[in-house]
C-alpha cells in the first residue's frame, strides 16, 4: 500500500473517530437534558393525576388532559381506563362543525408484571403511540385511591390500582432525530473535504521523496 494512502487513511480515521465522539456526546447530553425536563414535568403532575383519578372514580366525567398529557387508571387486575386525554390542535370537519381529535394514546402493556416493575422502579419510560409515530414519556404509580360514600359523609373505601401519566414527547424525539441527521450530513461533508485536501497535501509533501 502506498505511503500516501496510509497517511490519508489514518487522518480520515482519526477525524471520523473524533467527530463520532463529539456527536454522540453532544446528542447524549441534549437528550438527557430534554428527557430530564419531561420527567420533572411528570413528577410534578402526579398529585394532580391522583386527584383526577379520585374524581373519576367518584363519578366524575372524562375530560381533556392538562397540556399534552394522558391520565390513565388501571384497577388491580383490570383494563386501562382513560381519565383525561389531550386533543390535537388539528381539527377534522364533521359536516360544517370542526371537531378536535384526541392524540393517539401510548401503547401501554397490559401485563401486571410490567406495571408492577414500572411502578416499583419509579422512573419514567418511553413508549410509542398507537399510531401517527407519537412518542410518550410514561410514569406509573401504584396507589390506593380513597373514595367517599355517595353522600360525601366519609367512610369510603380504598381502591388499589395504578395511576399512569403519559406526556407527549414526540417533538423532543423529532428534535434529537433532526440533530442526529444534521450531524451525519455535516460529518460526511467534512470527511469529504478532508479527503480531498489530504490527498493534495500528502501528494505535494511526498513528491520530493
N, C-alpha and C. Protein backbone atom coordinates (compact mmCIF):
# COMPACT_ATOMS: atom_id res chain seq x y z
N UNK A 1 0.85 -1.20 0.00
CA UNK A 1 0.00 0.00 0.00
C UNK A 1 0.88 1.24 0.00
N UNK A 2 0.64 2.16 -0.92
CA UNK A 2 1.45 3.39 -0.97
C UNK A 2 1.38 4.16 0.34
N UNK A 3 2.47 4.84 0.65
CA UNK A 3 2.55 5.59 1.90
C UNK A 3 1.49 6.68 1.97
N UNK A 4 1.24 7.37 0.84
CA UNK A 4 0.26 8.46 0.86
C UNK A 4 -1.15 7.93 1.19
N UNK A 5 -1.44 6.71 0.71
CA UNK A 5 -2.76 6.13 1.03
C UNK A 5 -2.87 5.84 2.52
N UNK A 6 -1.78 5.31 3.10
CA UNK A 6 -1.80 5.03 4.54
C UNK A 6 -1.98 6.31 5.34
N UNK A 7 -1.30 7.39 4.95
CA UNK A 7 -1.38 8.64 5.69
C UNK A 7 -2.78 9.25 5.60
N UNK A 8 -3.33 9.28 4.40
CA UNK A 8 -4.67 9.85 4.24
C UNK A 8 -5.70 9.01 5.00
N UNK A 9 -5.57 7.70 4.93
CA UNK A 9 -6.50 6.82 5.64
C UNK A 9 -6.42 7.02 7.15
N UNK A 10 -5.19 7.17 7.67
CA UNK A 10 -5.02 7.37 9.11
C UNK A 10 -5.64 8.69 9.56
N UNK A 11 -5.44 9.74 8.76
CA UNK A 11 -6.03 11.04 9.10
C UNK A 11 -7.56 10.97 9.09
N UNK A 12 -8.12 10.34 8.07
CA UNK A 12 -9.57 10.22 7.97
C UNK A 12 -10.13 9.41 9.13
N UNK A 13 -9.44 8.35 9.50
CA UNK A 13 -9.91 7.51 10.61
C UNK A 13 -9.93 8.29 11.92
N UNK A 14 -8.84 9.05 12.17
CA UNK A 14 -8.77 9.84 13.40
C UNK A 14 -9.85 10.92 13.43
N UNK A 15 -10.06 11.60 12.30
CA UNK A 15 -11.10 12.64 12.25
C UNK A 15 -12.48 12.03 12.42
N UNK A 16 -12.72 10.87 11.78
CA UNK A 16 -14.03 10.21 11.91
C UNK A 16 -14.30 9.82 13.36
N UNK A 17 -13.29 9.29 14.04
CA UNK A 17 -13.47 8.92 15.45
C UNK A 17 -13.76 10.15 16.30
N UNK A 18 -13.03 11.24 16.06
CA UNK A 18 -13.25 12.47 16.82
C UNK A 18 -14.66 13.02 16.58
N UNK A 19 -15.10 13.03 15.33
CA UNK A 19 -16.45 13.52 15.03
C UNK A 19 -17.52 12.65 15.67
N UNK A 20 -17.31 11.34 15.65
CA UNK A 20 -18.28 10.43 16.26
C UNK A 20 -18.38 10.66 17.76
N UNK A 21 -17.25 10.81 18.42
CA UNK A 21 -17.25 11.03 19.87
C UNK A 21 -17.95 12.34 20.21
N UNK A 22 -17.62 13.40 19.46
CA UNK A 22 -18.22 14.71 19.72
C UNK A 22 -19.73 14.67 19.49
N UNK A 23 -20.16 14.03 18.40
CA UNK A 23 -21.58 13.97 18.07
C UNK A 23 -22.35 13.16 19.10
N UNK A 24 -21.82 11.99 19.46
CA UNK A 24 -22.51 11.14 20.43
C UNK A 24 -22.61 11.81 21.78
N UNK A 25 -21.51 12.45 22.20
CA UNK A 25 -21.52 13.14 23.50
C UNK A 25 -22.52 14.30 23.49
N UNK A 26 -22.50 15.10 22.43
CA UNK A 26 -23.41 16.24 22.36
C UNK A 26 -24.86 15.83 22.33
N UNK A 27 -25.19 14.83 21.51
CA UNK A 27 -26.57 14.37 21.41
C UNK A 27 -27.03 13.72 22.72
N UNK A 28 -26.13 12.99 23.37
CA UNK A 28 -26.49 12.36 24.64
C UNK A 28 -26.78 13.39 25.72
N UNK A 29 -25.95 14.45 25.78
CA UNK A 29 -26.19 15.50 26.77
C UNK A 29 -27.53 16.19 26.50
N UNK A 30 -27.79 16.53 25.24
CA UNK A 30 -29.04 17.18 24.89
C UNK A 30 -30.24 16.28 25.19
N UNK A 31 -30.13 15.00 24.82
CA UNK A 31 -31.24 14.07 25.07
C UNK A 31 -31.51 13.93 26.56
N UNK A 32 -30.46 13.76 27.37
CA UNK A 32 -30.65 13.62 28.80
C UNK A 32 -31.29 14.87 29.41
N UNK A 33 -30.89 16.02 28.90
CA UNK A 33 -31.46 17.27 29.42
C UNK A 33 -32.95 17.37 29.09
N UNK A 34 -33.30 17.12 27.82
CA UNK A 34 -34.70 17.23 27.41
C UNK A 34 -35.57 16.17 28.10
N UNK A 35 -35.05 14.94 28.18
CA UNK A 35 -35.80 13.89 28.87
C UNK A 35 -35.96 14.24 30.35
N UNK A 36 -34.91 14.80 30.94
CA UNK A 36 -34.99 15.20 32.34
C UNK A 36 -36.07 16.25 32.58
N UNK A 37 -36.19 17.21 31.65
CA UNK A 37 -37.23 18.22 31.78
C UNK A 37 -38.62 17.57 31.71
N UNK A 38 -38.79 16.63 30.77
CA UNK A 38 -40.07 15.94 30.66
C UNK A 38 -40.37 15.12 31.92
N UNK A 39 -39.37 14.46 32.47
CA UNK A 39 -39.58 13.65 33.68
C UNK A 39 -39.93 14.54 34.87
N UNK A 40 -39.32 15.73 34.96
CA UNK A 40 -39.67 16.66 36.04
C UNK A 40 -41.13 17.09 35.93
N UNK A 41 -41.59 17.32 34.69
CA UNK A 41 -42.99 17.68 34.49
C UNK A 41 -43.91 16.55 34.92
N UNK A 42 -43.53 15.31 34.60
CA UNK A 42 -44.33 14.16 35.03
C UNK A 42 -44.40 14.06 36.55
N UNK A 43 -43.24 14.20 37.19
CA UNK A 43 -43.21 14.08 38.65
C UNK A 43 -44.07 15.14 39.32
N UNK A 44 -44.05 16.36 38.77
CA UNK A 44 -44.81 17.45 39.38
C UNK A 44 -46.32 17.32 39.14
N UNK A 45 -46.71 16.47 38.18
CA UNK A 45 -48.14 16.34 37.86
C UNK A 45 -48.78 15.11 38.51
N UNK A 46 -48.03 14.37 39.31
CA UNK A 46 -48.58 13.13 39.88
C UNK A 46 -49.70 13.42 40.88
N UNK A 47 -49.55 14.46 41.67
CA UNK A 47 -50.59 14.79 42.65
C UNK A 47 -51.89 15.17 41.96
N UNK A 48 -51.78 15.98 40.92
CA UNK A 48 -52.96 16.36 40.15
C UNK A 48 -53.60 15.13 39.49
N UNK A 49 -52.75 14.20 39.02
CA UNK A 49 -53.28 12.98 38.41
C UNK A 49 -54.05 12.15 39.43
N UNK A 50 -53.52 12.04 40.65
CA UNK A 50 -54.24 11.30 41.70
C UNK A 50 -55.60 11.93 41.98
N UNK A 51 -55.64 13.26 42.02
CA UNK A 51 -56.91 13.94 42.26
C UNK A 51 -57.91 13.70 41.13
N UNK A 52 -57.40 13.70 39.88
CA UNK A 52 -58.28 13.46 38.74
C UNK A 52 -58.83 12.04 38.76
N UNK A 53 -57.99 11.08 39.13
CA UNK A 53 -58.45 9.69 39.22
C UNK A 53 -59.49 9.54 40.32
N UNK A 54 -59.27 10.19 41.46
CA UNK A 54 -60.24 10.12 42.56
C UNK A 54 -61.58 10.71 42.11
N UNK A 55 -61.52 11.83 41.42
CA UNK A 55 -62.75 12.45 40.89
C UNK A 55 -63.44 11.53 39.89
N UNK A 56 -62.65 10.87 39.07
CA UNK A 56 -63.20 9.95 38.06
C UNK A 56 -63.90 8.76 38.72
N UNK A 57 -63.28 8.19 39.77
CA UNK A 57 -63.85 7.04 40.45
C UNK A 57 -65.11 7.40 41.23
N UNK A 58 -65.26 8.67 41.57
CA UNK A 58 -66.45 9.11 42.28
C UNK A 58 -67.55 9.57 41.34
N UNK A 59 -67.38 9.21 40.05
CA UNK A 59 -68.44 9.51 39.09
C UNK A 59 -68.21 10.73 38.24
N UNK A 60 -67.02 11.30 38.34
CA UNK A 60 -66.71 12.47 37.51
C UNK A 60 -66.57 12.09 36.05
N UNK A 61 -66.75 13.05 35.17
CA UNK A 61 -66.69 12.78 33.74
C UNK A 61 -65.27 12.87 33.22
N UNK A 62 -65.02 12.17 32.13
CA UNK A 62 -63.73 12.24 31.44
C UNK A 62 -63.61 13.58 30.74
N UNK A 63 -62.42 14.14 30.73
CA UNK A 63 -62.25 15.44 30.10
C UNK A 63 -60.91 15.57 29.42
N UNK A 64 -60.64 16.74 28.85
CA UNK A 64 -59.34 16.96 28.22
C UNK A 64 -58.23 17.02 29.25
N UNK A 65 -57.10 16.42 28.92
CA UNK A 65 -55.99 16.36 29.85
C UNK A 65 -55.24 17.68 29.94
N UNK A 66 -54.39 17.82 30.96
CA UNK A 66 -53.58 19.03 31.12
C UNK A 66 -52.46 19.07 30.09
N UNK A 67 -52.51 20.01 29.19
CA UNK A 67 -51.45 20.15 28.19
C UNK A 67 -51.42 18.98 27.23
N UNK A 68 -50.27 18.31 27.16
CA UNK A 68 -50.08 17.18 26.25
C UNK A 68 -50.06 15.86 26.99
N UNK A 69 -50.81 15.74 28.07
CA UNK A 69 -50.70 14.55 28.93
C UNK A 69 -51.98 13.73 28.93
N UNK A 70 -51.79 12.41 28.94
CA UNK A 70 -52.86 11.45 29.19
C UNK A 70 -52.81 11.06 30.66
N UNK A 71 -53.97 10.75 31.23
CA UNK A 71 -54.04 10.17 32.56
C UNK A 71 -54.88 8.90 32.47
N UNK A 72 -54.30 7.79 32.92
CA UNK A 72 -55.00 6.50 32.88
C UNK A 72 -55.14 5.96 34.30
N UNK A 73 -56.19 5.20 34.47
CA UNK A 73 -56.40 4.47 35.71
C UNK A 73 -56.56 2.99 35.37
N UNK A 74 -55.75 2.14 36.03
CA UNK A 74 -55.84 0.70 35.83
C UNK A 74 -56.10 0.05 37.18
N UNK A 75 -57.32 -0.39 37.44
CA UNK A 75 -57.59 -1.09 38.71
C UNK A 75 -56.83 -2.41 38.76
N UNK A 76 -56.56 -2.88 39.95
CA UNK A 76 -55.82 -4.14 40.10
C UNK A 76 -56.54 -5.26 39.36
N UNK A 77 -55.84 -5.84 38.39
CA UNK A 77 -56.41 -6.92 37.61
C UNK A 77 -57.39 -6.47 36.54
N UNK A 78 -57.50 -5.15 36.31
CA UNK A 78 -58.45 -4.65 35.33
C UNK A 78 -57.78 -4.10 34.09
N UNK A 79 -58.58 -3.46 33.24
CA UNK A 79 -58.11 -2.89 32.00
C UNK A 79 -57.90 -1.38 32.15
N UNK A 80 -57.02 -0.80 31.31
CA UNK A 80 -56.78 0.65 31.39
C UNK A 80 -58.05 1.45 31.10
N UNK A 81 -58.26 2.48 31.89
CA UNK A 81 -59.40 3.39 31.72
C UNK A 81 -58.85 4.80 31.53
N UNK A 82 -59.30 5.48 30.50
CA UNK A 82 -58.83 6.83 30.22
C UNK A 82 -59.57 7.82 31.11
N UNK A 83 -58.81 8.52 31.94
CA UNK A 83 -59.38 9.51 32.83
C UNK A 83 -59.40 10.88 32.16
N UNK A 84 -58.29 11.24 31.55
CA UNK A 84 -58.19 12.50 30.82
C UNK A 84 -57.34 12.27 29.58
N UNK A 85 -57.66 12.96 28.50
CA UNK A 85 -56.91 12.80 27.26
C UNK A 85 -56.69 14.15 26.60
N UNK A 86 -55.50 14.36 26.01
CA UNK A 86 -55.22 15.62 25.31
C UNK A 86 -55.77 15.58 23.89
N UNK A 87 -56.04 16.75 23.36
CA UNK A 87 -56.54 16.84 22.00
C UNK A 87 -55.54 17.59 21.14
N UNK A 88 -55.48 17.21 19.87
CA UNK A 88 -54.55 17.84 18.94
C UNK A 88 -55.08 19.20 18.52
N UNK A 89 -54.16 20.04 18.06
CA UNK A 89 -54.56 21.35 17.55
C UNK A 89 -55.19 21.27 16.18
N UNK A 90 -55.05 20.11 15.52
CA UNK A 90 -55.61 19.93 14.18
C UNK A 90 -57.04 19.44 14.32
N UNK A 91 -57.95 20.06 13.64
CA UNK A 91 -59.35 19.70 13.73
C UNK A 91 -59.79 18.98 12.47
N UNK A 92 -60.71 18.06 12.64
CA UNK A 92 -61.35 17.44 11.50
C UNK A 92 -62.75 18.01 11.36
N UNK A 93 -63.30 17.95 10.19
CA UNK A 93 -64.59 18.56 9.95
C UNK A 93 -65.66 17.49 9.88
N UNK A 94 -66.65 17.56 10.76
CA UNK A 94 -67.81 16.68 10.73
C UNK A 94 -68.98 17.53 10.25
N UNK A 95 -69.30 17.40 8.98
CA UNK A 95 -70.30 18.29 8.39
C UNK A 95 -69.70 19.67 8.27
N UNK A 96 -70.30 20.64 8.91
CA UNK A 96 -69.78 22.00 8.90
C UNK A 96 -69.19 22.40 10.23
N UNK A 97 -69.11 21.43 11.19
CA UNK A 97 -68.64 21.73 12.54
C UNK A 97 -67.25 21.12 12.73
N UNK A 98 -66.21 21.94 12.98
CA UNK A 98 -64.88 21.38 13.23
C UNK A 98 -64.81 20.74 14.61
N UNK A 99 -64.22 19.59 14.68
CA UNK A 99 -64.10 18.88 15.95
C UNK A 99 -62.64 18.52 16.20
N UNK A 100 -62.18 18.74 17.43
CA UNK A 100 -60.80 18.39 17.80
C UNK A 100 -60.70 16.88 17.98
N UNK A 101 -59.54 16.33 17.63
CA UNK A 101 -59.31 14.90 17.72
C UNK A 101 -58.33 14.59 18.86
N UNK A 102 -58.61 13.56 19.66
CA UNK A 102 -57.65 13.19 20.71
C UNK A 102 -56.37 12.64 20.09
N UNK A 103 -55.25 12.89 20.75
CA UNK A 103 -53.98 12.36 20.27
C UNK A 103 -53.97 10.84 20.43
N UNK A 104 -53.28 10.12 19.52
CA UNK A 104 -53.17 8.66 19.67
C UNK A 104 -52.53 8.31 21.02
N UNK A 105 -53.19 7.44 21.75
CA UNK A 105 -52.72 7.08 23.09
C UNK A 105 -51.46 6.23 23.02
N UNK A 106 -50.68 6.23 24.09
CA UNK A 106 -49.49 5.37 24.13
C UNK A 106 -49.86 3.89 24.21
N UNK A 107 -48.97 3.04 23.73
CA UNK A 107 -49.17 1.59 23.80
C UNK A 107 -48.72 1.09 25.18
N UNK A 108 -49.65 1.05 26.09
CA UNK A 108 -49.33 0.63 27.46
C UNK A 108 -49.50 -0.88 27.57
N UNK A 109 -48.45 -1.61 27.92
CA UNK A 109 -48.59 -3.06 28.08
C UNK A 109 -49.63 -3.40 29.15
N UNK A 110 -50.44 -4.41 28.91
CA UNK A 110 -51.47 -4.81 29.88
C UNK A 110 -50.98 -5.88 30.83
N UNK A 111 -49.67 -6.09 30.85
CA UNK A 111 -49.10 -7.10 31.73
C UNK A 111 -48.99 -6.56 33.16
N UNK A 112 -49.50 -7.31 34.12
CA UNK A 112 -49.39 -6.92 35.52
C UNK A 112 -47.94 -6.87 35.97
N UNK A 113 -47.13 -7.79 35.44
CA UNK A 113 -45.71 -7.81 35.80
C UNK A 113 -45.03 -6.52 35.34
N UNK A 114 -45.37 -6.05 34.12
CA UNK A 114 -44.76 -4.81 33.63
C UNK A 114 -45.20 -3.63 34.49
N UNK A 115 -46.48 -3.55 34.83
CA UNK A 115 -46.98 -2.46 35.65
C UNK A 115 -46.30 -2.45 37.01
N UNK A 116 -46.17 -3.63 37.62
CA UNK A 116 -45.55 -3.72 38.93
C UNK A 116 -44.09 -3.29 38.88
N UNK A 117 -43.38 -3.75 37.85
CA UNK A 117 -41.97 -3.39 37.71
C UNK A 117 -41.80 -1.89 37.47
N UNK A 118 -42.63 -1.33 36.58
CA UNK A 118 -42.54 0.10 36.29
C UNK A 118 -42.88 0.94 37.51
N UNK A 119 -43.88 0.51 38.30
CA UNK A 119 -44.25 1.26 39.49
C UNK A 119 -43.17 1.18 40.56
N UNK A 120 -42.58 0.01 40.76
CA UNK A 120 -41.54 -0.16 41.77
C UNK A 120 -40.26 0.57 41.37
N UNK A 121 -39.99 0.63 40.05
CA UNK A 121 -38.78 1.31 39.58
C UNK A 121 -38.86 2.80 39.84
N UNK A 122 -40.03 3.39 39.66
CA UNK A 122 -40.22 4.80 39.96
C UNK A 122 -39.69 5.76 38.91
N UNK A 123 -39.22 5.24 37.77
CA UNK A 123 -38.70 6.08 36.71
C UNK A 123 -39.61 6.03 35.49
N UNK A 124 -39.64 7.13 34.76
CA UNK A 124 -40.45 7.20 33.55
C UNK A 124 -39.80 6.38 32.44
N UNK A 125 -40.63 5.88 31.53
CA UNK A 125 -40.15 5.12 30.37
C UNK A 125 -40.79 5.72 29.12
N UNK A 126 -40.15 5.49 27.98
CA UNK A 126 -40.68 5.98 26.72
C UNK A 126 -41.41 4.86 26.00
N UNK A 127 -42.65 5.14 25.58
CA UNK A 127 -43.47 4.17 24.86
C UNK A 127 -43.95 4.79 23.55
N UNK A 128 -44.09 3.98 22.51
CA UNK A 128 -44.62 4.51 21.24
C UNK A 128 -46.12 4.73 21.33
N UNK A 129 -46.63 5.60 20.45
CA UNK A 129 -48.06 5.80 20.36
C UNK A 129 -48.71 4.70 19.55
N UNK A 130 -50.02 4.59 19.66
CA UNK A 130 -50.75 3.56 18.92
C UNK A 130 -50.77 3.82 17.42
N UNK A 131 -50.52 5.06 17.02
CA UNK A 131 -50.47 5.42 15.61
C UNK A 131 -49.82 6.79 15.48
N UNK A 132 -49.50 7.16 14.24
CA UNK A 132 -49.01 8.50 13.98
C UNK A 132 -47.57 8.78 14.35
N UNK A 133 -46.82 7.76 14.77
CA UNK A 133 -45.42 7.99 15.12
C UNK A 133 -45.21 8.78 16.40
N UNK A 134 -46.21 8.83 17.27
CA UNK A 134 -46.07 9.58 18.52
C UNK A 134 -45.17 8.84 19.50
N UNK A 135 -44.53 9.60 20.38
CA UNK A 135 -43.72 9.04 21.47
C UNK A 135 -44.22 9.62 22.78
N UNK A 136 -44.31 8.78 23.80
CA UNK A 136 -44.84 9.21 25.09
C UNK A 136 -43.87 8.84 26.21
N UNK A 137 -43.71 9.77 27.13
CA UNK A 137 -42.95 9.52 28.35
C UNK A 137 -43.96 9.15 29.43
N UNK A 138 -43.83 7.94 29.98
CA UNK A 138 -44.88 7.37 30.82
C UNK A 138 -44.34 7.12 32.22
N UNK A 139 -45.11 7.53 33.23
CA UNK A 139 -44.77 7.30 34.63
C UNK A 139 -45.90 6.51 35.27
N UNK A 140 -45.56 5.39 35.92
CA UNK A 140 -46.54 4.50 36.55
C UNK A 140 -46.39 4.58 38.06
N UNK A 141 -47.52 4.69 38.76
CA UNK A 141 -47.51 4.71 40.21
C UNK A 141 -48.56 3.75 40.75
N UNK A 142 -48.15 2.89 41.69
CA UNK A 142 -49.09 2.03 42.39
C UNK A 142 -49.70 2.82 43.55
N UNK A 143 -51.03 2.91 43.60
CA UNK A 143 -51.69 3.77 44.59
C UNK A 143 -52.87 3.03 45.20
N UNK A 144 -53.33 3.60 46.30
CA UNK A 144 -54.60 3.21 46.93
C UNK A 144 -55.47 4.46 46.89
N UNK A 145 -56.40 4.51 45.96
CA UNK A 145 -57.22 5.70 45.78
C UNK A 145 -58.42 5.64 46.72
N UNK A 146 -58.52 6.65 47.60
CA UNK A 146 -59.63 6.71 48.53
C UNK A 146 -60.83 7.40 47.93
N UNK A 147 -61.99 6.80 48.05
CA UNK A 147 -63.23 7.38 47.54
C UNK A 147 -64.23 7.51 48.67
N UNK A 148 -65.07 8.56 48.63
CA UNK A 148 -66.07 8.81 49.66
C UNK A 148 -67.35 8.04 49.35
N UNK A 149 -68.22 7.95 50.36
CA UNK A 149 -69.54 7.39 50.13
C UNK A 149 -70.35 8.32 49.24
N UNK A 150 -71.44 7.82 48.72
CA UNK A 150 -72.27 8.61 47.82
C UNK A 150 -72.76 9.89 48.44
N UNK A 151 -72.97 9.95 49.77
CA UNK A 151 -73.46 11.16 50.40
C UNK A 151 -72.34 12.11 50.79
N UNK A 152 -71.07 11.72 50.49
CA UNK A 152 -69.94 12.60 50.79
C UNK A 152 -69.65 12.75 52.25
N UNK A 153 -70.17 11.85 53.10
CA UNK A 153 -70.00 11.98 54.54
C UNK A 153 -68.79 11.25 55.06
N UNK A 154 -67.97 10.70 54.18
CA UNK A 154 -66.80 9.97 54.62
C UNK A 154 -67.10 8.48 54.73
N UNK A 155 -66.17 7.77 55.34
CA UNK A 155 -66.37 6.35 55.50
C UNK A 155 -66.32 5.59 54.19
N UNK A 156 -65.57 6.09 53.23
CA UNK A 156 -65.48 5.45 51.93
C UNK A 156 -64.52 4.29 51.95
N UNK A 157 -64.04 3.92 50.77
CA UNK A 157 -63.16 2.76 50.64
C UNK A 157 -61.91 3.16 49.85
N UNK A 158 -60.93 2.26 49.86
CA UNK A 158 -59.70 2.47 49.11
C UNK A 158 -59.63 1.43 47.99
N UNK A 159 -59.36 1.90 46.79
CA UNK A 159 -59.29 1.03 45.62
C UNK A 159 -57.86 0.93 45.15
N UNK A 160 -57.26 -0.27 45.15
CA UNK A 160 -55.88 -0.41 44.68
C UNK A 160 -55.82 -0.41 43.16
N UNK A 161 -54.73 0.12 42.65
CA UNK A 161 -54.55 0.13 41.20
C UNK A 161 -53.33 0.94 40.81
N UNK A 162 -53.30 1.35 39.57
CA UNK A 162 -52.16 2.08 39.03
C UNK A 162 -52.63 3.36 38.35
N UNK A 163 -51.98 4.46 38.69
CA UNK A 163 -52.21 5.73 38.01
C UNK A 163 -51.07 5.94 37.03
N UNK A 164 -51.41 6.19 35.77
CA UNK A 164 -50.39 6.37 34.73
C UNK A 164 -50.55 7.75 34.13
N UNK A 165 -49.45 8.48 34.10
CA UNK A 165 -49.41 9.79 33.44
C UNK A 165 -48.48 9.66 32.25
N UNK A 166 -48.96 10.05 31.07
CA UNK A 166 -48.18 9.94 29.84
C UNK A 166 -48.06 11.32 29.21
N UNK A 167 -46.83 11.77 29.01
CA UNK A 167 -46.56 13.10 28.44
C UNK A 167 -46.09 12.95 27.01
N UNK A 168 -46.66 13.75 26.12
CA UNK A 168 -46.30 13.71 24.71
C UNK A 168 -44.91 14.32 24.51
N UNK A 169 -43.95 13.49 24.07
CA UNK A 169 -42.58 13.95 23.84
C UNK A 169 -42.17 13.71 22.39
N UNK A 170 -43.15 13.70 21.50
CA UNK A 170 -42.86 13.45 20.09
C UNK A 170 -41.93 14.51 19.53
N UNK A 171 -42.19 15.79 19.83
CA UNK A 171 -41.35 16.87 19.31
C UNK A 171 -39.93 16.77 19.85
N UNK A 172 -39.79 16.28 21.08
CA UNK A 172 -38.46 16.11 21.67
C UNK A 172 -37.64 15.11 20.86
N UNK A 173 -38.23 13.95 20.56
CA UNK A 173 -37.52 12.93 19.81
C UNK A 173 -37.31 13.36 18.36
N UNK A 174 -38.24 14.14 17.81
CA UNK A 174 -38.03 14.67 16.46
C UNK A 174 -36.84 15.61 16.42
N UNK A 175 -36.69 16.43 17.46
CA UNK A 175 -35.55 17.34 17.53
C UNK A 175 -34.24 16.55 17.59
N UNK A 176 -34.21 15.51 18.41
CA UNK A 176 -33.00 14.69 18.52
C UNK A 176 -32.70 14.01 17.19
N UNK A 177 -33.73 13.51 16.52
CA UNK A 177 -33.54 12.85 15.23
C UNK A 177 -33.02 13.82 14.18
N UNK A 178 -33.56 15.03 14.16
CA UNK A 178 -33.09 16.03 13.20
C UNK A 178 -31.64 16.42 13.48
N UNK A 179 -31.30 16.56 14.76
CA UNK A 179 -29.92 16.89 15.12
C UNK A 179 -28.97 15.77 14.72
N UNK A 180 -29.38 14.52 14.91
CA UNK A 180 -28.55 13.39 14.52
C UNK A 180 -28.33 13.37 13.01
N UNK A 181 -29.39 13.61 12.25
CA UNK A 181 -29.26 13.65 10.79
C UNK A 181 -28.34 14.78 10.35
N UNK A 182 -28.47 15.94 10.99
CA UNK A 182 -27.61 17.07 10.65
C UNK A 182 -26.16 16.76 10.96
N UNK A 183 -25.91 16.11 12.09
CA UNK A 183 -24.54 15.73 12.45
C UNK A 183 -23.95 14.78 11.42
N UNK A 184 -24.74 13.82 10.97
CA UNK A 184 -24.25 12.86 9.98
C UNK A 184 -23.91 13.56 8.66
N UNK A 185 -24.77 14.48 8.23
CA UNK A 185 -24.53 15.18 6.96
C UNK A 185 -23.29 16.05 7.06
N UNK A 186 -23.19 16.82 8.14
CA UNK A 186 -22.02 17.70 8.31
C UNK A 186 -20.74 16.88 8.43
N UNK A 187 -20.79 15.78 9.16
CA UNK A 187 -19.60 14.94 9.32
C UNK A 187 -19.17 14.34 7.98
N UNK A 188 -20.13 13.89 7.17
CA UNK A 188 -19.79 13.32 5.87
C UNK A 188 -19.17 14.38 4.96
N UNK A 189 -19.73 15.59 4.98
CA UNK A 189 -19.17 16.67 4.15
C UNK A 189 -17.76 17.03 4.62
N UNK A 190 -17.57 17.07 5.94
CA UNK A 190 -16.26 17.40 6.48
C UNK A 190 -15.23 16.34 6.11
N UNK A 191 -15.60 15.06 6.21
CA UNK A 191 -14.69 14.00 5.83
C UNK A 191 -14.34 14.05 4.35
N UNK A 192 -15.31 14.41 3.52
CA UNK A 192 -15.05 14.53 2.09
C UNK A 192 -14.06 15.64 1.81
N UNK A 193 -14.23 16.78 2.49
CA UNK A 193 -13.30 17.90 2.31
C UNK A 193 -11.90 17.52 2.77
N UNK A 194 -11.83 16.84 3.93
CA UNK A 194 -10.52 16.43 4.45
C UNK A 194 -9.87 15.43 3.51
N UNK A 195 -10.66 14.56 2.91
CA UNK A 195 -10.12 13.58 1.96
C UNK A 195 -9.48 14.28 0.77
N UNK A 196 -10.20 15.24 0.18
CA UNK A 196 -9.68 15.95 -0.99
C UNK A 196 -8.45 16.75 -0.63
N UNK A 197 -8.53 17.51 0.46
CA UNK A 197 -7.38 18.34 0.87
C UNK A 197 -6.21 17.46 1.29
N UNK A 198 -6.52 16.36 2.02
CA UNK A 198 -5.44 15.49 2.49
C UNK A 198 -4.68 14.84 1.35
N UNK A 199 -5.40 14.40 0.33
CA UNK A 199 -4.72 13.80 -0.82
C UNK A 199 -3.79 14.81 -1.48
N UNK A 200 -4.29 16.05 -1.66
CA UNK A 200 -3.46 17.08 -2.29
C UNK A 200 -2.23 17.41 -1.46
N UNK A 201 -2.41 17.56 -0.16
CA UNK A 201 -1.30 17.92 0.72
C UNK A 201 -0.27 16.79 0.78
N UNK A 202 -0.75 15.55 0.92
CA UNK A 202 0.18 14.42 1.02
C UNK A 202 0.97 14.23 -0.28
N UNK A 203 0.30 14.37 -1.41
CA UNK A 203 1.00 14.23 -2.67
C UNK A 203 2.05 15.31 -2.83
N UNK A 204 1.69 16.56 -2.48
CA UNK A 204 2.65 17.65 -2.61
C UNK A 204 3.83 17.46 -1.66
N UNK A 205 3.55 16.95 -0.46
CA UNK A 205 4.60 16.77 0.54
C UNK A 205 5.54 15.62 0.19
N UNK A 206 5.01 14.57 -0.44
CA UNK A 206 5.82 13.40 -0.74
C UNK A 206 6.44 13.45 -2.12
N UNK A 207 6.08 14.44 -2.93
CA UNK A 207 6.64 14.49 -4.28
C UNK A 207 8.18 14.55 -4.29
N UNK A 208 8.84 15.37 -3.42
CA UNK A 208 10.30 15.38 -3.40
C UNK A 208 10.91 14.01 -3.11
N UNK A 209 10.19 13.18 -2.30
CA UNK A 209 10.74 11.86 -1.98
C UNK A 209 10.63 10.92 -3.17
